[in-house]
Amino acid sequence: MFVIFRQEHQNGIKFEHRLFCYISKNWQGKPLIDVQTAIDLIGSTQTNTGLKVICVRDDTEYKIAKKVSDEDFESINIDKIAPFECWNYTLRPT
């Protein structure tokens, strides 16, 4: 899943929670019989305040267990958020 945040939402974690809350409500009680059904239900999510979700399937085959050098990893601009820094963080452009 790829999520784009509007610029005024600097804390992506709260925004994600609000986004997935509405997605879950939208597909509540509907059987997820295949991937397309999930994509359609996620993509039809809207709120009264104007949030509209766009969802598309990504069939790209990605390499697994790709090694990242220490130098490349250190170049990632990560702001960790207490108290659970391993789970809560914001990635910022470098």
N, C-alpha and C. Protein backbone atom coordinates (compact mmCIF):
# COMPACT_ATOMS: atom_id res chain seq x y z
N MET A 1 0.85 -1.17 0.00
CA MET A 1 0.00 0.00 0.00
C MET A 1 0.89 1.22 0.00
N PHE A 2 0.53 2.20 -0.80
CA PHE A 2 1.27 3.44 -0.92
C PHE A 2 0.35 4.56 -0.46
N VAL A 3 0.82 5.34 0.48
CA VAL A 3 -0.01 6.41 1.02
C VAL A 3 0.67 7.74 0.77
N ILE A 4 -0.07 8.70 0.23
CA ILE A 4 0.45 10.05 0.05
C ILE A 4 -0.23 10.95 1.07
N PHE A 5 0.57 11.69 1.84
CA PHE A 5 0.03 12.57 2.85
C PHE A 5 0.02 14.00 2.33
N ARG A 6 -1.04 14.73 2.63
CA ARG A 6 -1.05 16.15 2.30
C ARG A 6 -0.04 16.84 3.19
N GLN A 7 0.53 17.95 2.73
CA GLN A 7 1.61 18.62 3.45
C GLN A 7 1.21 19.08 4.84
N GLU A 8 -0.04 19.45 5.05
CA GLU A 8 -0.41 19.95 6.39
C GLU A 8 -0.47 18.84 7.44
N HIS A 9 -0.35 17.59 7.01
CA HIS A 9 -0.34 16.47 7.95
C HIS A 9 1.09 16.02 8.19
N GLN A 10 1.80 16.73 9.06
CA GLN A 10 3.19 16.41 9.32
C GLN A 10 3.34 15.13 10.13
N ASN A 11 2.37 14.81 10.97
CA ASN A 11 2.44 13.59 11.77
C ASN A 11 1.65 12.52 11.05
N GLY A 12 2.31 11.76 10.20
CA GLY A 12 1.66 10.75 9.38
C GLY A 12 0.98 9.66 10.17
N ILE A 13 1.44 9.40 11.38
CA ILE A 13 0.88 8.30 12.16
C ILE A 13 -0.57 8.57 12.51
N LYS A 14 -0.90 9.76 12.99
CA LYS A 14 -2.28 10.08 13.31
C LYS A 14 -3.13 10.04 12.04
N PHE A 15 -2.58 10.53 10.95
CA PHE A 15 -3.31 10.56 9.68
C PHE A 15 -3.59 9.14 9.21
N GLU A 16 -2.59 8.25 9.30
CA GLU A 16 -2.80 6.85 8.89
C GLU A 16 -3.89 6.22 9.73
N HIS A 17 -3.88 6.45 11.04
CA HIS A 17 -4.90 5.87 11.91
C HIS A 17 -6.28 6.32 11.46
N ARG A 18 -6.41 7.60 11.18
CA ARG A 18 -7.71 8.12 10.74
C ARG A 18 -8.10 7.54 9.40
N LEU A 19 -7.14 7.36 8.51
CA LEU A 19 -7.42 6.79 7.19
C LEU A 19 -7.91 5.35 7.31
N PHE A 20 -7.18 4.52 8.02
CA PHE A 20 -7.55 3.11 8.10
C PHE A 20 -8.80 2.88 8.94
N CYS A 21 -9.11 3.78 9.83
CA CYS A 21 -10.36 3.70 10.58
C CYS A 21 -11.54 3.77 9.62
N TYR A 22 -11.51 4.71 8.67
CA TYR A 22 -12.61 4.84 7.70
C TYR A 22 -12.64 3.68 6.71
N ILE A 23 -11.47 3.20 6.32
CA ILE A 23 -11.42 2.05 5.41
C ILE A 23 -12.08 0.85 6.08
N SER A 24 -11.74 0.60 7.34
CA SER A 24 -12.31 -0.53 8.07
C SER A 24 -13.82 -0.40 8.20
N LYS A 25 -14.31 0.80 8.47
CA LYS A 25 -15.76 1.02 8.57
C LYS A 25 -16.43 0.76 7.22
N ASN A 26 -15.75 1.14 6.14
CA ASN A 26 -16.33 1.01 4.80
C ASN A 26 -16.52 -0.45 4.40
N TRP A 27 -15.60 -1.33 4.81
CA TRP A 27 -15.75 -2.73 4.38
C TRP A 27 -16.30 -3.62 5.48
N GLN A 28 -16.76 -3.02 6.55
CA GLN A 28 -17.32 -3.78 7.68
C GLN A 28 -18.48 -4.66 7.21
N GLY A 29 -18.38 -5.94 7.52
CA GLY A 29 -19.44 -6.89 7.21
C GLY A 29 -19.45 -7.38 5.77
N LYS A 30 -18.50 -6.93 4.96
CA LYS A 30 -18.44 -7.36 3.57
C LYS A 30 -17.32 -8.39 3.43
N PRO A 31 -17.60 -9.54 2.81
CA PRO A 31 -16.56 -10.56 2.68
C PRO A 31 -15.47 -10.13 1.69
N LEU A 32 -14.22 -10.29 2.10
CA LEU A 32 -13.09 -9.98 1.23
C LEU A 32 -12.74 -11.25 0.46
N ILE A 33 -13.47 -11.50 -0.61
CA ILE A 33 -13.35 -12.77 -1.32
C ILE A 33 -12.15 -12.83 -2.25
N ASP A 34 -11.64 -11.68 -2.64
CA ASP A 34 -10.44 -11.65 -3.48
C ASP A 34 -9.77 -10.28 -3.35
N VAL A 35 -8.61 -10.15 -3.96
CA VAL A 35 -7.84 -8.91 -3.86
C VAL A 35 -8.61 -7.75 -4.48
N GLN A 36 -9.26 -7.97 -5.61
CA GLN A 36 -9.98 -6.88 -6.28
C GLN A 36 -11.10 -6.33 -5.41
N THR A 37 -11.77 -7.20 -4.66
CA THR A 37 -12.82 -6.74 -3.75
C THR A 37 -12.23 -5.80 -2.70
N ALA A 38 -11.08 -6.16 -2.13
CA ALA A 38 -10.42 -5.31 -1.14
C ALA A 38 -10.02 -3.98 -1.76
N ILE A 39 -9.47 -4.01 -2.97
CA ILE A 39 -9.07 -2.78 -3.66
C ILE A 39 -10.28 -1.89 -3.90
N ASP A 40 -11.38 -2.48 -4.36
CA ASP A 40 -12.59 -1.70 -4.63
C ASP A 40 -13.15 -1.08 -3.35
N LEU A 41 -13.17 -1.83 -2.26
CA LEU A 41 -13.70 -1.30 -1.00
C LEU A 41 -12.81 -0.19 -0.44
N ILE A 42 -11.50 -0.40 -0.49
CA ILE A 42 -10.58 0.64 -0.02
C ILE A 42 -10.73 1.88 -0.89
N GLY A 43 -10.78 1.70 -2.21
CA GLY A 43 -10.85 2.82 -3.14
C GLY A 43 -12.16 3.58 -3.12
N SER A 44 -13.20 3.01 -2.56
CA SER A 44 -14.48 3.72 -2.49
C SER A 44 -14.69 4.42 -1.16
N THR A 45 -13.66 4.47 -0.32
CA THR A 45 -13.76 5.11 0.99
C THR A 45 -13.74 6.63 0.85
N GLN A 46 -14.71 7.29 1.49
CA GLN A 46 -14.79 8.75 1.53
C GLN A 46 -15.28 9.17 2.92
N THR A 47 -14.94 10.39 3.30
CA THR A 47 -15.43 10.93 4.57
C THR A 47 -16.25 12.18 4.29
N ASN A 48 -16.99 12.62 5.29
CA ASN A 48 -17.78 13.85 5.18
C ASN A 48 -16.91 15.09 5.08
N THR A 49 -15.65 14.99 5.52
CA THR A 49 -14.75 16.15 5.51
C THR A 49 -13.94 16.24 4.22
N GLY A 50 -14.16 15.31 3.28
CA GLY A 50 -13.51 15.43 1.98
C GLY A 50 -12.39 14.46 1.69
N LEU A 51 -12.05 13.57 2.62
CA LEU A 51 -11.01 12.59 2.35
C LEU A 51 -11.53 11.57 1.34
N LYS A 52 -10.80 11.38 0.26
CA LYS A 52 -11.12 10.36 -0.73
C LYS A 52 -9.90 9.47 -0.90
N VAL A 53 -10.10 8.18 -0.86
CA VAL A 53 -9.00 7.22 -0.95
C VAL A 53 -8.91 6.70 -2.37
N ILE A 54 -7.71 6.66 -2.91
CA ILE A 54 -7.45 6.06 -4.21
C ILE A 54 -6.60 4.82 -3.96
N CYS A 55 -7.03 3.70 -4.49
CA CYS A 55 -6.32 2.45 -4.26
C CYS A 55 -6.15 1.73 -5.59
N VAL A 56 -4.93 1.34 -5.91
CA VAL A 56 -4.65 0.58 -7.12
C VAL A 56 -3.76 -0.61 -6.77
N ARG A 57 -3.90 -1.66 -7.53
CA ARG A 57 -3.11 -2.87 -7.30
C ARG A 57 -1.72 -2.69 -7.89
N ASP A 58 -0.72 -3.13 -7.15
CA ASP A 58 0.67 -3.08 -7.59
C ASP A 58 1.16 -4.51 -7.72
N ASP A 59 1.30 -4.99 -8.94
CA ASP A 59 1.75 -6.37 -9.17
C ASP A 59 3.25 -6.47 -9.41
N THR A 60 3.97 -5.41 -9.13
CA THR A 60 5.42 -5.43 -9.31
C THR A 60 6.04 -6.47 -8.39
N GLU A 61 6.97 -7.23 -8.92
CA GLU A 61 7.71 -8.19 -8.09
C GLU A 61 8.96 -7.49 -7.57
N TYR A 62 9.03 -7.35 -6.26
CA TYR A 62 10.15 -6.68 -5.63
C TYR A 62 11.12 -7.71 -5.08
N LYS A 63 12.41 -7.37 -5.09
CA LYS A 63 13.42 -8.24 -4.50
C LYS A 63 13.19 -8.31 -3.00
N ILE A 64 13.32 -9.49 -2.46
CA ILE A 64 13.21 -9.62 -1.01
C ILE A 64 14.61 -9.76 -0.43
N ALA A 65 14.76 -9.40 0.79
CA ALA A 65 16.02 -9.49 1.52
C ALA A 65 17.13 -8.70 0.84
N LYS A 66 16.77 -7.58 0.22
CA LYS A 66 17.77 -6.72 -0.40
C LYS A 66 18.59 -6.07 0.70
N LYS A 67 19.88 -6.14 0.58
CA LYS A 67 20.78 -5.57 1.58
C LYS A 67 20.97 -4.08 1.34
N VAL A 68 20.90 -3.32 2.42
CA VAL A 68 21.12 -1.88 2.36
C VAL A 68 22.40 -1.60 3.12
N SER A 69 23.29 -0.84 2.49
CA SER A 69 24.56 -0.54 3.15
C SER A 69 24.31 0.35 4.37
N ASP A 70 25.24 0.31 5.31
CA ASP A 70 25.14 1.17 6.50
C ASP A 70 25.12 2.64 6.08
N GLU A 71 25.91 2.97 5.07
CA GLU A 71 25.98 4.36 4.59
C GLU A 71 24.63 4.80 4.02
N ASP A 72 23.99 3.95 3.21
CA ASP A 72 22.68 4.29 2.67
C ASP A 72 21.64 4.40 3.78
N PHE A 73 21.68 3.48 4.75
CA PHE A 73 20.71 3.51 5.83
C PHE A 73 20.86 4.77 6.67
N GLU A 74 22.08 5.17 6.92
CA GLU A 74 22.33 6.38 7.72
C GLU A 74 21.87 7.64 7.00
N SER A 75 21.75 7.60 5.68
CA SER A 75 21.35 8.78 4.92
C SER A 75 19.83 9.00 4.96
N ILE A 76 19.06 8.04 5.49
CA ILE A 76 17.61 8.19 5.59
C ILE A 76 17.29 9.17 6.71
N ASN A 77 16.46 10.15 6.41
CA ASN A 77 16.10 11.18 7.39
C ASN A 77 14.88 10.69 8.19
N ILE A 78 15.14 10.11 9.35
CA ILE A 78 14.09 9.53 10.19
C ILE A 78 13.95 10.34 11.48
N ASP A 79 12.73 10.79 11.76
CA ASP A 79 12.42 11.42 13.05
C ASP A 79 11.66 10.39 13.87
N LYS A 80 12.31 9.87 14.92
CA LYS A 80 11.66 8.87 15.77
C LYS A 80 10.77 9.57 16.79
N ILE A 81 9.63 8.93 17.08
CA ILE A 81 8.63 9.52 17.97
C ILE A 81 8.52 8.64 19.21
N ALA A 82 8.78 9.23 20.38
CA ALA A 82 8.71 8.50 21.65
C ALA A 82 7.26 8.17 21.96
N PRO A 83 6.98 7.16 22.75
CA PRO A 83 7.93 6.32 23.45
C PRO A 83 8.31 5.05 22.68
N PHE A 84 7.72 4.77 21.54
CA PHE A 84 8.01 3.54 20.81
C PHE A 84 8.69 3.87 19.49
N GLU A 85 9.94 4.29 19.56
CA GLU A 85 10.67 4.79 18.40
C GLU A 85 10.82 3.76 17.29
N CYS A 86 10.81 2.47 17.64
CA CYS A 86 10.94 1.43 16.61
C CYS A 86 9.69 1.36 15.74
N TRP A 87 8.55 1.75 16.29
CA TRP A 87 7.28 1.65 15.57
C TRP A 87 6.79 2.99 15.07
N ASN A 88 7.09 4.06 15.79
CA ASN A 88 6.55 5.38 15.47
C ASN A 88 7.66 6.30 14.96
N TYR A 89 7.55 6.66 13.71
CA TYR A 89 8.57 7.54 13.12
C TYR A 89 7.99 8.22 11.88
N THR A 90 8.66 9.29 11.48
CA THR A 90 8.29 10.01 10.27
C THR A 90 9.51 10.01 9.37
N LEU A 91 9.32 9.67 8.10
CA LEU A 91 10.39 9.75 7.11
C LEU A 91 10.28 11.10 6.42
N ARG A 92 11.38 11.83 6.35
CA ARG A 92 11.39 13.15 5.73
C ARG A 92 12.35 13.15 4.54
N PRO A 93 12.09 13.99 3.56
CA PRO A 93 13.02 14.08 2.42
C PRO A 93 14.42 14.45 2.88
N THR A 94 15.42 13.96 2.20
CA THR A 94 16.80 14.31 2.59
C THR A 94 17.26 15.54 1.88
